[in-house]
Amino acid sequence: MTPPVPGNSTELHQIALSVARMEGKLDGVLALGVDHETRIRKLERALWIAVGAGAAAGGGVAAVVSKLTGG
């Protein structure tokens, strides 16, 4: 089934308004995508800092326990 062909200027105007609204929404989504990527990078960086700190703390605790137990 083929889509109907707009037959008057009112239909064309409505289509143009719909396209303009869609463009506005798309611009908003794209702007959120940039912020989303930045947020993900910050979270990943914080995660790896926490992993490194945990590894260092674990090594420190292991060294202290080893000294206390005479190993």
Protein backbone atom coordinates (compact mmCIF):
# COMPACT_ATOMS: atom_id res chain seq x y z
CA MET A 1 0.00 0.00 0.00
CA THR A 2 1.47 3.36 -0.97
CA PRO A 3 1.34 6.29 1.48
CA PRO A 4 -1.07 9.10 0.66
CA VAL A 5 0.35 12.05 -1.22
CA PRO A 6 -0.21 15.39 0.52
CA GLY A 7 -2.80 17.23 -1.49
CA ASN A 8 -3.00 20.68 0.01
CA SER A 9 -0.87 23.27 1.69
CA THR A 10 -2.36 22.54 5.14
CA GLU A 11 -1.09 18.96 4.99
CA LEU A 12 2.32 20.15 3.81
CA HIS A 13 2.42 22.70 6.62
CA GLN A 14 1.58 20.01 9.19
CA ILE A 15 4.32 17.78 7.79
CA ALA A 16 6.82 20.65 7.94
CA LEU A 17 5.86 21.35 11.57
CA SER A 18 6.24 17.68 12.46
CA VAL A 19 9.68 17.53 10.84
CA ALA A 20 10.73 20.68 12.70
CA ARG A 21 9.61 19.17 16.02
CA MET A 22 11.49 15.97 15.26
CA GLU A 23 14.65 17.95 14.44
CA GLY A 24 14.36 19.78 17.76
CA LYS A 25 13.97 16.53 19.66
CA LEU A 26 16.89 14.98 17.81
CA ASP A 27 19.10 17.95 18.68
CA GLY A 28 18.17 17.46 22.33
CA VAL A 29 18.99 13.77 22.22
CA LEU A 30 22.33 14.43 20.56
CA ALA A 31 23.19 17.01 23.21
CA LEU A 32 22.40 14.47 25.93
CA GLY A 33 24.64 11.94 24.20
CA VAL A 34 27.66 14.21 24.59
CA ASP A 35 26.96 14.66 28.30
CA HIS A 36 26.33 10.94 28.62
CA GLU A 37 29.75 10.09 27.17
CA THR A 38 31.44 12.53 29.56
CA ARG A 39 29.56 11.01 32.48
CA ILE A 40 30.59 7.49 31.50
CA ARG A 41 34.26 8.52 31.20
CA LYS A 42 34.16 10.08 34.68
CA LEU A 43 32.54 6.98 36.15
CA GLU A 44 35.07 4.67 34.50
CA ARG A 45 37.94 6.81 35.72
CA ALA A 46 36.57 6.77 39.28
CA LEU A 47 36.11 3.00 39.06
CA TRP A 48 39.73 2.39 38.08
CA ILE A 49 41.00 4.77 40.77
CA ALA A 50 38.95 2.80 43.31
CA VAL A 51 40.28 -0.50 41.96
CA GLY A 52 43.86 0.77 42.23
CA ALA A 53 43.30 2.07 45.75
CA GLY A 54 41.74 -1.24 46.76
CA ALA A 55 44.68 -3.18 45.36
CA ALA A 56 47.17 -0.93 47.14
CA ALA A 57 45.24 -1.18 50.41
CA GLY A 58 45.03 -4.96 50.06
CA GLY A 59 48.77 -5.15 49.52
CA GLY A 60 49.37 -2.96 52.56
CA VAL A 61 47.10 -5.05 54.76
CA ALA A 62 48.78 -8.23 53.55
CA ALA A 63 52.21 -6.80 54.39
CA VAL A 64 51.09 -5.76 57.89
CA VAL A 65 49.49 -9.15 58.57
CA SER A 66 52.62 -10.87 57.28
CA LYS A 67 54.82 -8.84 59.64
CA LEU A 68 52.49 -9.47 62.58
CA THR A 69 52.40 -13.21 62.01
CA GLY A 70 56.17 -13.39 61.53
CA GLY A 71 56.04 -14.39 57.87
